[in-house]
Amino acid sequence: MKTKRYCFALDLINDNSLIEEYKLVHQNVWSEISTSIKDTGVINLEIYHVHDRLFMIMETDDSFSLDQKQAQDSSNVVVQKWEAQMWKYQKALPHAKAGEKWVLMECIYKLE
């Protein structure tokens, strides 16, 4: 199976108590959220944190499509509830499009 990797960035509201709360929330992600992520072809997902910046690495199988994942997420009531709650902690990157959270990053170097 060939995998593909996607990397995304997002900022958090620069408030230490909110950042700590956000980290705690992610120690107990709702099972429905994990299931919905896996159901779209994501085989591994990690989120890294530094100061008020988040970095997400998502590895997917051959069936994965960003457009299909966005469509599934937008029609999933539980995912929409989760995303609404996460806006308490998150803020869009300055150059993000309206309503855009995680911004897809471009790979500019790969050690080979």
PDB file of N, CA and C in Angstrom:
ATOM      1  N   MET A   1       0.849  -1.188   0.000  1.00  0.00           N
ATOM      2  CA  MET A   1       0.000   0.000   0.000  1.00  0.00           C
ATOM      3  C   MET A   1       0.889   1.243   0.000  1.00  0.00           C
ATOM      4  N   LYS A   2       0.609   2.131  -0.906  1.00  0.00           N
ATOM      5  CA  LYS A   2       1.330   3.401  -0.993  1.00  0.00           C
ATOM      6  C   LYS A   2       0.610   4.426  -0.112  1.00  0.00           C
ATOM      7  N   THR A   3       1.373   5.154   0.677  1.00  0.00           N
ATOM      8  CA  THR A   3       0.777   6.192   1.523  1.00  0.00           C
ATOM      9  C   THR A   3       1.180   7.567   1.013  1.00  0.00           C
ATOM     10  N   LYS A   4       0.364   8.530   1.378  1.00  0.00           N
ATOM     11  CA  LYS A   4       0.657   9.919   1.046  1.00  0.00           C
ATOM     12  C   LYS A   4       0.635  10.709   2.351  1.00  0.00           C
ATOM     13  N   ARG A   5       1.480  11.704   2.463  1.00  0.00           N
ATOM     14  CA  ARG A   5       1.567  12.513   3.669  1.00  0.00           C
ATOM     15  C   ARG A   5       1.110  13.934   3.359  1.00  0.00           C
ATOM     16  N   TYR A   6       0.282  14.458   4.249  1.00  0.00           N
ATOM     17  CA  TYR A   6      -0.176  15.846   4.194  1.00  0.00           C
ATOM     18  C   TYR A   6       0.256  16.518   5.488  1.00  0.00           C
ATOM     19  N   CYS A   7       0.708  17.759   5.394  1.00  0.00           N
ATOM     20  CA  CYS A   7       1.100  18.518   6.578  1.00  0.00           C
ATOM     21  C   CYS A   7       0.318  19.826   6.605  1.00  0.00           C
ATOM     22  N   PHE A   8      -0.170  20.164   7.782  1.00  0.00           N
ATOM     23  CA  PHE A   8      -1.020  21.341   7.959  1.00  0.00           C
ATOM     24  C   PHE A   8      -0.528  22.171   9.135  1.00  0.00           C
ATOM     25  N   ALA A   9      -0.832  23.455   9.124  1.00  0.00           N
ATOM     26  CA  ALA A   9      -0.513  24.356  10.233  1.00  0.00           C
ATOM     27  C   ALA A   9      -1.784  25.083  10.673  1.00  0.00           C
ATOM     28  N   LEU A  10      -1.807  25.445  11.937  1.00  0.00           N
ATOM     29  CA  LEU A  10      -2.916  26.186  12.533  1.00  0.00           C
ATOM     30  C   LEU A  10      -2.381  26.869  13.779  1.00  0.00           C
ATOM     31  N   ASP A  11      -2.936  28.007  14.119  1.00  0.00           N
ATOM     32  CA  ASP A  11      -2.545  28.695  15.340  1.00  0.00           C
ATOM     33  C   ASP A  11      -3.575  28.486  16.438  1.00  0.00           C
ATOM     34  N   LEU A  12      -3.091  28.607  17.667  1.00  0.00           N
ATOM     35  CA  LEU A  12      -3.962  28.623  18.831  1.00  0.00           C
ATOM     36  C   LEU A  12      -4.062  30.049  19.345  1.00  0.00           C
ATOM     37  N   ILE A  13      -5.125  30.333  20.047  1.00  0.00           N
ATOM     38  CA  ILE A  13      -5.232  31.624  20.723  1.00  0.00           C
ATOM     39  C   ILE A  13      -4.105  31.669  21.745  1.00  0.00           C
ATOM     40  N   ASN A  14      -3.363  32.748  21.777  1.00  0.00           N
ATOM     41  CA  ASN A  14      -2.173  32.844  22.619  1.00  0.00           C
ATOM     42  C   ASN A  14      -2.567  33.127  24.068  1.00  0.00           C
ATOM     43  N   ASP A  15      -3.059  32.087  24.725  1.00  0.00           N
ATOM     44  CA  ASP A  15      -3.479  32.145  26.120  1.00  0.00           C
ATOM     45  C   ASP A  15      -3.060  30.822  26.754  1.00  0.00           C
ATOM     46  N   ASN A  16      -2.129  30.871  27.709  1.00  0.00           N
ATOM     47  CA  ASN A  16      -1.565  29.643  28.274  1.00  0.00           C
ATOM     48  C   ASN A  16      -2.610  28.692  28.844  1.00  0.00           C
ATOM     49  N   SER A  17      -3.633  29.214  29.513  1.00  0.00           N
ATOM     50  CA  SER A  17      -4.642  28.329  30.096  1.00  0.00           C
ATOM     51  C   SER A  17      -5.470  27.651  28.995  1.00  0.00           C
ATOM     52  N   LEU A  18      -5.802  28.383  27.937  1.00  0.00           N
ATOM     53  CA  LEU A  18      -6.529  27.776  26.821  1.00  0.00           C
ATOM     54  C   LEU A  18      -5.669  26.740  26.095  1.00  0.00           C
ATOM     55  N   ILE A  19      -4.388  27.021  25.948  1.00  0.00           N
ATOM     56  CA  ILE A  19      -3.490  26.077  25.280  1.00  0.00           C
ATOM     57  C   ILE A  19      -3.382  24.788  26.089  1.00  0.00           C
ATOM     58  N   GLU A  20      -3.243  24.904  27.390  1.00  0.00           N
ATOM     59  CA  GLU A  20      -3.175  23.706  28.237  1.00  0.00           C
ATOM     60  C   GLU A  20      -4.483  22.922  28.179  1.00  0.00           C
ATOM     61  N   GLU A  21      -5.598  23.632  28.164  1.00  0.00           N
ATOM     62  CA  GLU A  21      -6.903  22.975  28.046  1.00  0.00           C
ATOM     63  C   GLU A  21      -7.020  22.259  26.701  1.00  0.00           C
ATOM     64  N   TYR A  22      -6.569  22.888  25.640  1.00  0.00           N
ATOM     65  CA  TYR A  22      -6.596  22.279  24.314  1.00  0.00           C
ATOM     66  C   TYR A  22      -5.790  20.981  24.307  1.00  0.00           C
ATOM     67  N   LYS A  23      -4.618  21.006  24.920  1.00  0.00           N
ATOM     68  CA  LYS A  23      -3.786  19.804  24.988  1.00  0.00           C
ATOM     69  C   LYS A  23      -4.493  18.698  25.774  1.00  0.00           C
ATOM     70  N   LEU A  24      -5.156  19.043  26.851  1.00  0.00           N
ATOM     71  CA  LEU A  24      -5.897  18.052  27.637  1.00  0.00           C
ATOM     72  C   LEU A  24      -7.052  17.460  26.833  1.00  0.00           C
ATOM     73  N   VAL A  25      -7.777  18.293  26.124  1.00  0.00           N
ATOM     74  CA  VAL A  25      -8.885  17.820  25.290  1.00  0.00           C
ATOM     75  C   VAL A  25      -8.383  16.777  24.297  1.00  0.00           C
ATOM     76  N   HIS A  26      -7.183  16.970  23.775  1.00  0.00           N
ATOM     77  CA  HIS A  26      -6.643  16.047  22.782  1.00  0.00           C
ATOM     78  C   HIS A  26      -6.070  14.768  23.394  1.00  0.00           C
ATOM     79  N   GLN A  27      -6.068  14.671  24.703  1.00  0.00           N
ATOM     80  CA  GLN A  27      -5.725  13.408  25.351  1.00  0.00           C
ATOM     81  C   GLN A  27      -6.953  12.505  25.456  1.00  0.00           C
ATOM     82  N   ASN A  28      -8.129  13.080  25.196  1.00  0.00           N
ATOM     83  CA  ASN A  28      -9.386  12.335  25.264  1.00  0.00           C
ATOM     84  C   ASN A  28     -10.286  12.691  24.087  1.00  0.00           C
ATOM     85  N   VAL A  29      -9.756  12.544  22.881  1.00  0.00           N
ATOM     86  CA  VAL A  29     -10.533  12.849  21.676  1.00  0.00           C
ATOM     87  C   VAL A  29     -11.727  11.895  21.624  1.00  0.00           C
ATOM     88  N   TRP A  30     -12.886  12.437  21.264  1.00  0.00           N
ATOM     89  CA  TRP A  30     -14.093  11.619  21.165  1.00  0.00           C
ATOM     90  C   TRP A  30     -13.847  10.456  20.207  1.00  0.00           C
ATOM     91  N   SER A  31     -14.344   9.286  20.572  1.00  0.00           N
ATOM     92  CA  SER A  31     -14.147   8.099  19.722  1.00  0.00           C
ATOM     93  C   SER A  31     -14.772   8.295  18.342  1.00  0.00           C
ATOM     94  N   GLU A  32     -15.884   9.030  18.267  1.00  0.00           N
ATOM     95  CA  GLU A  32     -16.534   9.286  16.973  1.00  0.00           C
ATOM     96  C   GLU A  32     -15.634  10.106  16.046  1.00  0.00           C
ATOM     97  N   ILE A  33     -14.816  10.960  16.639  1.00  0.00           N
ATOM     98  CA  ILE A  33     -13.891  11.777  15.835  1.00  0.00           C
ATOM     99  C   ILE A  33     -12.792  10.894  15.267  1.00  0.00           C
ATOM    100  N   SER A  34     -12.205  10.053  16.114  1.00  0.00           N
ATOM    101  CA  SER A  34     -11.163   9.140  15.639  1.00  0.00           C
ATOM    102  C   SER A  34     -11.703   8.217  14.551  1.00  0.00           C
ATOM    103  N   THR A  35     -12.903   7.709  14.752  1.00  0.00           N
ATOM    104  CA  THR A  35     -13.520   6.826  13.758  1.00  0.00           C
ATOM    105  C   THR A  35     -13.755   7.560  12.445  1.00  0.00           C
ATOM    106  N   SER A  36     -14.272   8.781  12.517  1.00  0.00           N
ATOM    107  CA  SER A  36     -14.545   9.527  11.285  1.00  0.00           C
ATOM    108  C   SER A  36     -13.257   9.829  10.531  1.00  0.00           C
ATOM    109  N   ILE A  37     -12.174  10.074  11.239  1.00  0.00           N
ATOM    110  CA  ILE A  37     -10.878  10.324  10.588  1.00  0.00           C
ATOM    111  C   ILE A  37     -10.421   9.063   9.861  1.00  0.00           C
ATOM    112  N   LYS A  38     -10.452   7.929  10.559  1.00  0.00           N
ATOM    113  CA  LYS A  38     -10.015   6.657   9.963  1.00  0.00           C
ATOM    114  C   LYS A  38     -10.895   6.257   8.782  1.00  0.00           C
ATOM    115  N   ASP A  39     -12.179   6.531   8.865  1.00  0.00           N
ATOM    116  CA  ASP A  39     -13.122   6.150   7.807  1.00  0.00           C
ATOM    117  C   ASP A  39     -12.859   6.860   6.482  1.00  0.00           C
ATOM    118  N   THR A  40     -12.093   7.948   6.506  1.00  0.00           N
ATOM    119  CA  THR A  40     -11.810   8.680   5.265  1.00  0.00           C
ATOM    120  C   THR A  40     -10.512   8.235   4.597  1.00  0.00           C
ATOM    121  N   GLY A  41      -9.821   7.248   5.199  1.00  0.00           N
ATOM    122  CA  GLY A  41      -8.577   6.762   4.611  1.00  0.00           C
ATOM    123  C   GLY A  41      -7.322   7.281   5.292  1.00  0.00           C
ATOM    124  N   VAL A  42      -7.483   7.936   6.430  1.00  0.00           N
ATOM    125  CA  VAL A  42      -6.326   8.398   7.195  1.00  0.00           C
ATOM    126  C   VAL A  42      -5.835   7.211   8.029  1.00  0.00           C
ATOM    127  N   ILE A  43      -4.545   6.877   7.888  1.00  0.00           N
ATOM    128  CA  ILE A  43      -4.003   5.742   8.628  1.00  0.00           C
ATOM    129  C   ILE A  43      -3.140   6.171   9.818  1.00  0.00           C
ATOM    130  N   ASN A  44      -2.703   7.417   9.808  1.00  0.00           N
ATOM    131  CA  ASN A  44      -1.954   7.951  10.946  1.00  0.00           C
ATOM    132  C   ASN A  44      -2.110   9.467  10.958  1.00  0.00           C
ATOM    133  N   LEU A  45      -2.257  10.028  12.149  1.00  0.00           N
ATOM    134  CA  LEU A  45      -2.398  11.470  12.292  1.00  0.00           C
ATOM    135  C   LEU A  45      -1.722  11.883  13.589  1.00  0.00           C
ATOM    136  N   GLU A  46      -0.841  12.866  13.497  1.00  0.00           N
ATOM    137  CA  GLU A  46      -0.148  13.401  14.669  1.00  0.00           C
ATOM    138  C   GLU A  46      -0.247  14.916  14.649  1.00  0.00           C
ATOM    139  N   ILE A  47      -0.407  15.490  15.841  1.00  0.00           N
ATOM    140  CA  ILE A  47      -0.412  16.954  15.977  1.00  0.00           C
ATOM    141  C   ILE A  47       0.732  17.338  16.908  1.00  0.00           C
ATOM    142  N   TYR A  48       1.548  18.282  16.465  1.00  0.00           N
ATOM    143  CA  TYR A  48       2.663  18.798  17.253  1.00  0.00           C
ATOM    144  C   TYR A  48       2.370  20.247  17.632  1.00  0.00           C
ATOM    145  N   HIS A  49       2.964  20.660  18.735  1.00  0.00           N
ATOM    146  CA  HIS A  49       2.673  21.978  19.290  1.00  0.00           C
ATOM    147  C   HIS A  49       3.974  22.692  19.658  1.00  0.00           C
ATOM    148  N   VAL A  50       4.039  23.979  19.331  1.00  0.00           N
ATOM    149  CA  VAL A  50       5.090  24.861  19.837  1.00  0.00           C
ATOM    150  C   VAL A  50       4.460  26.240  20.019  1.00  0.00           C
ATOM    151  N   HIS A  51       4.593  26.776  21.210  1.00  0.00           N
ATOM    152  CA  HIS A  51       4.023  28.066  21.603  1.00  0.00           C
ATOM    153  C   HIS A  51       2.543  28.131  21.228  1.00  0.00           C
ATOM    154  N   ASP A  52       2.169  28.926  20.229  1.00  0.00           N
ATOM    155  CA  ASP A  52       0.754  28.988  19.830  1.00  0.00           C
ATOM    156  C   ASP A  52       0.550  28.442  18.410  1.00  0.00           C
ATOM    157  N   ARG A  53       1.483  27.619  17.948  1.00  0.00           N
ATOM    158  CA  ARG A  53       1.414  27.053  16.599  1.00  0.00           C
ATOM    159  C   ARG A  53       1.232  25.538  16.691  1.00  0.00           C
ATOM    160  N   LEU A  54       0.371  25.011  15.826  1.00  0.00           N
ATOM    161  CA  LEU A  54       0.163  23.577  15.707  1.00  0.00           C
ATOM    162  C   LEU A  54       0.628  23.127  14.330  1.00  0.00           C
ATOM    163  N   PHE A  55       1.121  21.908  14.280  1.00  0.00           N
ATOM    164  CA  PHE A  55       1.557  21.289  13.039  1.00  0.00           C
ATOM    165  C   PHE A  55       0.969  19.884  13.012  1.00  0.00           C
ATOM    166  N   MET A  56       0.241  19.540  11.977  1.00  0.00           N
ATOM    167  CA  MET A  56      -0.397  18.232  11.870  1.00  0.00           C
ATOM    168  C   MET A  56       0.180  17.470  10.689  1.00  0.00           C
ATOM    169  N   ILE A  57       0.556  16.212  10.943  1.00  0.00           N
ATOM    170  CA  ILE A  57       1.008  15.303   9.899  1.00  0.00           C
ATOM    171  C   ILE A  57      -0.066  14.237   9.748  1.00  0.00           C
ATOM    172  N   MET A  58      -0.530  14.062   8.529  1.00  0.00           N
ATOM    173  CA  MET A  58      -1.579  13.090   8.254  1.00  0.00           C
ATOM    174  C   MET A  58      -1.100  12.165   7.141  1.00  0.00           C
ATOM    175  N   GLU A  59      -1.050  10.873   7.435  1.00  0.00           N
ATOM    176  CA  GLU A  59      -0.681   9.891   6.430  1.00  0.00           C
ATOM    177  C   GLU A  59      -1.935   9.141   6.024  1.00  0.00           C
ATOM    178  N   THR A  60      -2.097   8.950   4.715  1.00  0.00           N
ATOM    179  CA  THR A  60      -3.334   8.402   4.182  1.00  0.00           C
ATOM    180  C   THR A  60      -3.058   7.206   3.272  1.00  0.00           C
ATOM    181  N   ASP A  61      -4.110   6.422   3.058  1.00  0.00           N
ATOM    182  CA  ASP A  61      -4.000   5.332   2.098  1.00  0.00           C
ATOM    183  C   ASP A  61      -4.415   5.824   0.704  1.00  0.00           C
ATOM    184  N   ASP A  62      -4.420   4.907  -0.253  1.00  0.00           N
ATOM    185  CA  ASP A  62      -4.714   5.259  -1.642  1.00  0.00           C
ATOM    186  C   ASP A  62      -6.129   5.783  -1.857  1.00  0.00           C
ATOM    187  N   SER A  63      -7.048   5.428  -0.954  1.00  0.00           N
ATOM    188  CA  SER A  63      -8.447   5.835  -1.141  1.00  0.00           C
ATOM    189  C   SER A  63      -8.721   7.271  -0.708  1.00  0.00           C
ATOM    190  N   PHE A  64      -7.754   7.908  -0.046  1.00  0.00           N
ATOM    191  CA  PHE A  64      -7.990   9.224   0.557  1.00  0.00           C
ATOM    192  C   PHE A  64      -8.123  10.331  -0.486  1.00  0.00           C
ATOM    193  N   SER A  65      -9.058  11.245  -0.199  1.00  0.00           N
ATOM    194  CA  SER A  65      -9.239  12.457  -0.995  1.00  0.00           C
ATOM    195  C   SER A  65      -9.558  13.601  -0.030  1.00  0.00           C
ATOM    196  N   LEU A  66      -8.821  14.698  -0.132  1.00  0.00           N
ATOM    197  CA  LEU A  66      -9.108  15.862   0.720  1.00  0.00           C
ATOM    198  C   LEU A  66     -10.528  16.365   0.502  1.00  0.00           C
ATOM    199  N   ASP A  67     -10.963  16.416  -0.743  1.00  0.00           N
ATOM    200  CA  ASP A  67     -12.325  16.890  -1.042  1.00  0.00           C
ATOM    201  C   ASP A  67     -13.378  15.986  -0.415  1.00  0.00           C
ATOM    202  N   GLN A  68     -13.182  14.671  -0.517  1.00  0.00           N
ATOM    203  CA  GLN A  68     -14.144  13.738   0.081  1.00  0.00           C
ATOM    204  C   GLN A  68     -14.147  13.846   1.598  1.00  0.00           C
ATOM    205  N   LYS A  69     -12.957  14.022   2.193  1.00  0.00           N
ATOM    206  CA  LYS A  69     -12.895  14.164   3.655  1.00  0.00           C
ATOM    207  C   LYS A  69     -13.638  15.424   4.084  1.00  0.00           C
ATOM    208  N   GLN A  70     -13.422  16.529   3.391  1.00  0.00           N
ATOM    209  CA  GLN A  70     -14.120  17.767   3.724  1.00  0.00           C
ATOM    210  C   GLN A  70     -15.626  17.610   3.588  1.00  0.00           C
ATOM    211  N   ALA A  71     -16.070  16.897   2.558  1.00  0.00           N
ATOM    212  CA  ALA A  71     -17.504  16.670   2.360  1.00  0.00           C
ATOM    213  C   ALA A  71     -18.073  15.806   3.481  1.00  0.00           C
ATOM    214  N   GLN A  72     -17.357  14.741   3.848  1.00  0.00           N
ATOM    215  CA  GLN A  72     -17.817  13.881   4.937  1.00  0.00           C
ATOM    216  C   GLN A  72     -17.859  14.652   6.255  1.00  0.00           C
ATOM    217  N   ASP A  73     -16.812  15.426   6.517  1.00  0.00           N
ATOM    218  CA  ASP A  73     -16.759  16.198   7.766  1.00  0.00           C
ATOM    219  C   ASP A  73     -17.894  17.214   7.838  1.00  0.00           C
ATOM    220  N   SER A  74     -18.181  17.867   6.732  1.00  0.00           N
ATOM    221  CA  SER A  74     -19.213  18.908   6.753  1.00  0.00           C
ATOM    222  C   SER A  74     -20.619  18.328   6.917  1.00  0.00           C
ATOM    223  N   SER A  75     -20.795  17.049   6.592  1.00  0.00           N
ATOM    224  CA  SER A  75     -22.118  16.435   6.746  1.00  0.00           C
ATOM    225  C   SER A  75     -22.230  15.597   8.024  1.00  0.00           C
ATOM    226  N   ASN A  76     -21.170  15.545   8.815  1.00  0.00           N
ATOM    227  CA  ASN A  76     -21.159  14.760  10.052  1.00  0.00           C
ATOM    228  C   ASN A  76     -21.436  15.688  11.238  1.00  0.00           C
ATOM    229  N   VAL A  77     -22.576  15.507  11.879  1.00  0.00           N
ATOM    230  CA  VAL A  77     -23.000  16.391  12.975  1.00  0.00           C
ATOM    231  C   VAL A  77     -22.003  16.367  14.131  1.00  0.00           C
ATOM    232  N   VAL A  78     -21.471  15.195  14.456  1.00  0.00           N
ATOM    233  CA  VAL A  78     -20.522  15.085  15.571  1.00  0.00           C
ATOM    234  C   VAL A  78     -19.222  15.816  15.240  1.00  0.00           C
ATOM    235  N   VAL A  79     -18.737  15.658  14.026  1.00  0.00           N
ATOM    236  CA  VAL A  79     -17.515  16.357  13.610  1.00  0.00           C
ATOM    237  C   VAL A  79     -17.739  17.862  13.662  1.00  0.00           C
ATOM    238  N   GLN A  80     -18.890  18.330  13.209  1.00  0.00           N
ATOM    239  CA  GLN A  80     -19.183  19.762  13.231  1.00  0.00           C
ATOM    240  C   GLN A  80     -19.257  20.287  14.667  1.00  0.00           C
ATOM    241  N   LYS A  81     -19.808  19.492  15.582  1.00  0.00           N
ATOM    242  CA  LYS A  81     -19.854  19.892  16.996  1.00  0.00           C
ATOM    243  C   LYS A  81     -18.431  19.978  17.562  1.00  0.00           C
ATOM    244  N   TRP A  82     -17.594  18.984  17.250  1.00  0.00           N
ATOM    245  CA  TRP A  82     -16.199  18.988  17.697  1.00  0.00           C
ATOM    246  C   TRP A  82     -15.473  20.223  17.158  1.00  0.00           C
ATOM    247  N   GLU A  83     -15.609  20.474  15.865  1.00  0.00           N
ATOM    248  CA  GLU A  83     -14.923  21.603  15.242  1.00  0.00           C
ATOM    249  C   GLU A  83     -15.380  22.935  15.840  1.00  0.00           C
ATOM    250  N   ALA A  84     -16.653  23.060  16.128  1.00  0.00           N
ATOM    251  CA  ALA A  84     -17.158  24.289  16.755  1.00  0.00           C
ATOM    252  C   ALA A  84     -16.531  24.483  18.130  1.00  0.00           C
ATOM    253  N   GLN A  85     -16.398  23.406  18.886  1.00  0.00           N
ATOM    254  CA  GLN A  85     -15.774  23.513  20.205  1.00  0.00           C
ATOM    255  C   GLN A  85     -14.292  23.852  20.108  1.00  0.00           C
ATOM    256  N   MET A  86     -13.619  23.352  19.073  1.00  0.00           N
ATOM    257  CA  MET A  86     -12.187  23.610  18.921  1.00  0.00           C
ATOM    258  C   MET A  86     -11.909  25.074  18.601  1.00  0.00           C
ATOM    259  N   TRP A  87     -12.878  25.794  17.991  1.00  0.00           N
ATOM    260  CA  TRP A  87     -12.673  27.224  17.698  1.00  0.00           C
ATOM    261  C   TRP A  87     -12.504  28.028  18.979  1.00  0.00           C
ATOM    262  N   LYS A  88     -12.879  27.485  20.118  1.00  0.00           N
ATOM    263  CA  LYS A  88     -12.643  28.163  21.403  1.00  0.00           C
ATOM    264  C   LYS A  88     -11.141  28.367  21.613  1.00  0.00           C
ATOM    265  N   TYR A  89     -10.344  27.458  21.058  1.00  0.00           N
ATOM    266  CA  TYR A  89      -8.894  27.455  21.268  1.00  0.00           C
ATOM    267  C   TYR A  89      -8.108  27.915  20.048  1.00  0.00           C
ATOM    268  N   GLN A  90      -8.672  27.747  18.881  1.00  0.00           N
ATOM    269  CA  GLN A  90      -7.943  27.941  17.637  1.00  0.00           C
ATOM    270  C   GLN A  90      -8.204  29.314  17.024  1.00  0.00           C
ATOM    271  N   LYS A  91      -7.227  29.728  16.214  1.00  0.00           N
ATOM    272  CA  LYS A  91      -7.433  30.917  15.387  1.00  0.00           C
ATOM    273  C   LYS A  91      -6.779  30.646  14.040  1.00  0.00           C
ATOM    274  N   ALA A  92      -7.365  31.176  13.026  1.00  0.00           N
ATOM    275  CA  ALA A  92      -6.865  30.948  11.669  1.00  0.00           C
ATOM    276  C   ALA A  92      -5.517  31.630  11.477  1.00  0.00           C
ATOM    277  N   LEU A  93      -4.711  31.051  10.622  1.00  0.00           N
ATOM    278  CA  LEU A  93      -3.471  31.710  10.229  1.00  0.00           C
ATOM    279  C   LEU A  93      -3.818  33.013   9.516  1.00  0.00           C
ATOM    280  N   PRO A  94      -2.948  34.010   9.581  1.00  0.00           N
ATOM    281  CA  PRO A  94      -3.267  35.318   8.986  1.00  0.00           C
ATOM    282  C   PRO A  94      -3.646  35.267   7.510  1.00  0.00           C
ATOM    283  N   HIS A  95      -3.090  34.338   6.762  1.00  0.00           N
ATOM    284  CA  HIS A  95      -3.356  34.266   5.328  1.00  0.00           C
ATOM    285  C   HIS A  95      -4.406  33.210   4.960  1.00  0.00           C
ATOM    286  N   ALA A  96      -5.055  32.598   5.953  1.00  0.00           N
ATOM    287  CA  ALA A  96      -6.067  31.570   5.684  1.00  0.00           C
ATOM    288  C   ALA A  96      -7.298  32.175   5.008  1.00  0.00           C
ATOM    289  N   LYS A  97      -7.969  31.352   4.218  1.00  0.00           N
ATOM    290  CA  LYS A  97      -9.217  31.783   3.582  1.00  0.00           C
ATOM    291  C   LYS A  97     -10.306  31.848   4.649  1.00  0.00           C
ATOM    292  N   ALA A  98     -11.370  32.561   4.381  1.00  0.00           N
ATOM    293  CA  ALA A  98     -12.475  32.677   5.327  1.00  0.00           C
ATOM    294  C   ALA A  98     -12.991  31.287   5.692  1.00  0.00           C
ATOM    295  N   GLY A  99     -13.080  31.020   7.001  1.00  0.00           N
ATOM    296  CA  GLY A  99     -13.579  29.740   7.481  1.00  0.00           C
ATOM    297  C   GLY A  99     -12.561  28.614   7.453  1.00  0.00           C
ATOM    298  N   GLU A 100     -11.361  28.861   6.929  1.00  0.00           N
ATOM    299  CA  GLU A 100     -10.337  27.823   6.833  1.00  0.00           C
ATOM    300  C   GLU A 100      -9.597  27.698   8.156  1.00  0.00           C
ATOM    301  N   LYS A 101      -9.471  26.471   8.634  1.00  0.00           N
ATOM    302  CA  LYS A 101      -8.723  26.206   9.855  1.00  0.00           C
ATOM    303  C   LYS A 101      -7.318  25.734   9.491  1.00  0.00           C
ATOM    304  N   TRP A 102      -7.165  24.441   9.405  1.00  0.00           N
ATOM    305  CA  TRP A 102      -5.872  23.871   9.079  1.00  0.00           C
ATOM    306  C   TRP A 102      -5.493  24.226   7.646  1.00  0.00           C
ATOM    307  N   VAL A 103      -4.307  24.811   7.484  1.00  0.00           N
ATOM    308  CA  VAL A 103      -3.831  25.227   6.169  1.00  0.00           C
ATOM    309  C   VAL A 103      -2.794  24.212   5.685  1.00  0.00           C
ATOM    310  N   LEU A 104      -3.031  23.683   4.489  1.00  0.00           N
ATOM    311  CA  LEU A 104      -2.122  22.708   3.895  1.00  0.00           C
ATOM    312  C   LEU A 104      -0.773  23.362   3.631  1.00  0.00           C
ATOM    313  N   MET A 105       0.289  22.691   4.061  1.00  0.00           N
ATOM    314  CA  MET A 105       1.636  23.212   3.879  1.00  0.00           C
ATOM    315  C   MET A 105       2.280  22.580   2.642  1.00  0.00           C
ATOM    316  N   GLU A 106       3.208  23.301   2.066  1.00  0.00           N
ATOM    317  CA  GLU A 106       3.940  22.819   0.897  1.00  0.00           C
ATOM    318  C   GLU A 106       5.279  22.237   1.347  1.00  0.00           C
ATOM    319  N   CYS A 107       5.598  21.043   0.880  1.00  0.00           N
ATOM    320  CA  CYS A 107       6.887  20.445   1.179  1.00  0.00           C
ATOM    321  C   CYS A 107       7.941  21.116   0.283  1.00  0.00           C
ATOM    322  N   ILE A 108       8.959  21.689   0.910  1.00  0.00           N
ATOM    323  CA  ILE A 108       9.998  22.357   0.120  1.00  0.00           C
ATOM    324  C   ILE A 108      11.355  21.648   0.192  1.00  0.00           C
ATOM    325  N   TYR A 109      11.443  20.612   1.045  1.00  0.00           N
ATOM    326  CA  TYR A 109      12.696  19.841   1.129  1.00  0.00           C
ATOM    327  C   TYR A 109      12.388  18.460   1.648  1.00  0.00           C
ATOM    328  N   LYS A 110      13.059  17.479   1.077  1.00  0.00           N
ATOM    329  CA  LYS A 110      12.917  16.100   1.518  1.00  0.00           C
ATOM    330  C   LYS A 110      14.283  15.422   1.419  1.00  0.00           C
ATOM    331  N   LEU A 111      14.782  14.913   2.528  1.00  0.00           N
ATOM    332  CA  LEU A 111      16.069  14.212   2.552  1.00  0.00           C
ATOM    333  C   LEU A 111      15.912  12.885   1.844  1.00  0.00           C
ATOM    334  N   GLU A 112      16.729  12.680   0.862  1.00  0.00           N
ATOM    335  CA  GLU A 112      16.656  11.409   0.113  1.00  0.00           C
ATOM    336  C   GLU A 112      18.016  10.794   0.005  1.00  0.00           C
TER     337      GLU A 112
END
